[in-house]
Amino acid sequence: MDYQPFDDAETYEPEEAWRRVSLAGSDAFTFEWFEKPPGHSSPMHDHENEQVCLVLEGELTIHTEDDSKTLGKYDSAWLDAWESHRVENTGDELAVGLDVFAPGRDFDFWTDRD
């Protein structure tokens, strides 16, 4: 077993008030808990990982090149590898979610970007 206490997990803040926490995972898949303030959007991006986004609190809208869907509490969406997307908090409160990536990745995805 690989135990990862939340309070000791690696944390990364790609932008002010957008916090991501790396939970237990492996090379096959990883979990990232995140919080996103109202009005915040990640930049349009893509990656080699398939991604499932699960909303735990608040509201998030996922925009792709072809579509936009607003997810509420406990809604989820799957994104294919290399599918361009951005995730925006379109609600009035802090959004909290969980991203699952397969294969797994680390925070180098954000820190090593140009």
Protein backbone atom coordinates (compact mmCIF):
# COMPACT_ATOMS: atom_id res chain seq x y z
CA MET A 1 0.00 0.00 0.00
CA ASP A 2 1.13 3.53 -0.75
CA TYR A 3 -0.53 5.78 1.83
CA GLN A 4 -0.71 9.52 1.05
CA PRO A 5 -2.05 11.79 3.82
CA PHE A 6 -3.75 14.83 2.26
CA ASP A 7 -1.96 17.30 4.55
CA ASP A 8 1.45 15.92 3.49
CA ALA A 9 0.73 15.65 -0.24
CA GLU A 10 2.63 17.62 -2.84
CA THR A 11 0.74 20.83 -3.61
CA TYR A 12 1.08 23.07 -6.61
CA GLU A 13 -0.56 26.40 -7.39
CA PRO A 14 -0.37 26.98 -11.19
CA GLU A 15 -1.98 30.39 -10.66
CA GLU A 16 -3.08 32.34 -7.59
CA ALA A 17 -5.98 30.61 -5.77
CA TRP A 18 -5.97 27.64 -8.20
CA ARG A 19 -4.57 24.87 -6.00
CA ARG A 20 -3.84 21.28 -7.01
CA VAL A 21 -2.88 18.46 -4.62
CA SER A 22 -1.28 15.21 -5.81
CA LEU A 23 -2.95 12.21 -4.20
CA ALA A 24 -1.89 8.54 -4.23
CA GLY A 25 -1.32 7.13 -7.70
CA SER A 26 1.10 5.33 -9.98
CA ASP A 27 2.57 5.44 -13.46
CA ALA A 28 -0.73 3.96 -14.69
CA PHE A 29 -2.98 6.66 -13.17
CA THR A 30 -2.89 9.63 -10.82
CA PHE A 31 -5.44 11.60 -8.81
CA GLU A 32 -5.27 15.37 -8.39
CA TRP A 33 -7.62 17.17 -6.01
CA PHE A 34 -8.11 20.81 -6.94
CA GLU A 35 -9.90 23.99 -6.00
CA LYS A 36 -10.68 26.78 -8.43
CA PRO A 37 -12.06 30.22 -7.47
CA PRO A 38 -15.13 31.74 -9.17
CA GLY A 39 -14.35 33.07 -12.63
CA HIS A 40 -11.04 31.22 -12.95
CA SER A 41 -10.27 29.22 -16.08
CA SER A 42 -7.31 27.05 -16.93
CA PRO A 43 -5.75 27.87 -20.29
CA MET A 44 -6.78 25.83 -23.33
CA HIS A 45 -4.39 22.86 -23.34
CA ASP A 46 -4.03 19.20 -24.20
CA HIS A 47 -1.93 16.31 -22.92
CA GLU A 48 -1.12 12.68 -23.56
CA ASN A 49 -3.28 11.57 -20.62
CA GLU A 50 -6.91 10.60 -20.69
CA GLN A 51 -8.68 12.62 -17.99
CA VAL A 52 -11.81 12.25 -15.90
CA CYS A 53 -12.95 15.38 -14.06
CA LEU A 54 -15.34 14.92 -11.11
CA VAL A 55 -16.96 17.93 -9.43
CA LEU A 56 -17.15 17.60 -5.64
CA GLU A 57 -18.42 21.12 -4.82
CA GLY A 58 -19.60 24.04 -6.90
CA GLU A 59 -19.81 24.19 -10.67
CA LEU A 60 -17.31 23.79 -13.49
CA THR A 61 -17.70 24.24 -17.23
CA ILE A 62 -15.45 22.18 -19.47
CA HIS A 63 -14.81 23.73 -22.85
CA THR A 64 -13.40 21.73 -25.78
CA GLU A 65 -12.89 22.88 -29.35
CA ASP A 66 -16.34 21.46 -30.24
CA ASP A 67 -18.46 21.69 -27.10
CA SER A 68 -19.03 23.10 -23.60
CA LYS A 69 -20.70 21.28 -20.71
CA THR A 70 -21.44 22.61 -17.24
CA LEU A 71 -21.00 20.09 -14.45
CA GLY A 72 -22.59 20.36 -11.03
CA LYS A 73 -21.87 18.49 -7.81
CA TYR A 74 -20.93 14.83 -8.49
CA ASP A 75 -21.13 15.24 -12.28
CA SER A 76 -18.14 14.00 -14.26
CA ALA A 77 -16.70 14.23 -17.75
CA TRP A 78 -14.11 12.19 -19.65
CA LEU A 79 -11.58 13.78 -21.99
CA ASP A 80 -9.60 11.76 -24.51
CA ALA A 81 -5.82 11.99 -24.76
CA TRP A 82 -4.76 15.06 -26.78
CA GLU A 83 -8.30 16.55 -26.64
CA SER A 84 -7.88 20.33 -26.27
CA HIS A 85 -9.83 21.70 -23.32
CA ARG A 86 -10.02 24.23 -20.53
CA VAL A 87 -11.88 24.09 -17.22
CA GLU A 88 -13.66 27.18 -15.90
CA ASN A 89 -15.43 27.87 -12.63
CA THR A 90 -18.62 29.46 -13.94
CA GLY A 91 -20.33 29.46 -10.54
CA ASP A 92 -20.37 31.96 -7.69
CA GLU A 93 -18.52 29.79 -5.16
CA LEU A 94 -15.24 27.96 -4.88
CA ALA A 95 -15.28 24.81 -7.01
CA VAL A 96 -13.60 21.65 -5.72
CA GLY A 97 -12.92 18.68 -7.94
CA LEU A 98 -10.90 15.57 -8.57
CA ASP A 99 -9.01 14.85 -11.79
CA VAL A 100 -7.90 11.34 -12.68
CA PHE A 101 -5.18 10.97 -15.34
CA ALA A 102 -4.20 7.81 -17.22
CA PRO A 103 -1.35 7.25 -17.67
CA GLY A 104 -0.30 9.01 -14.51
CA ARG A 105 1.50 12.34 -14.53
CA ASP A 106 3.15 14.72 -12.10
CA PHE A 107 3.17 18.49 -11.74
CA ASP A 108 5.93 18.77 -14.37
CA PHE A 109 3.07 19.08 -16.86
CA TRP A 110 2.48 22.63 -15.59
CA THR A 111 5.94 23.59 -14.36
CA ASP A 112 7.76 22.59 -17.57
CA ARG A 113 5.34 24.36 -19.97
CA ASP A 114 6.58 27.20 -22.16
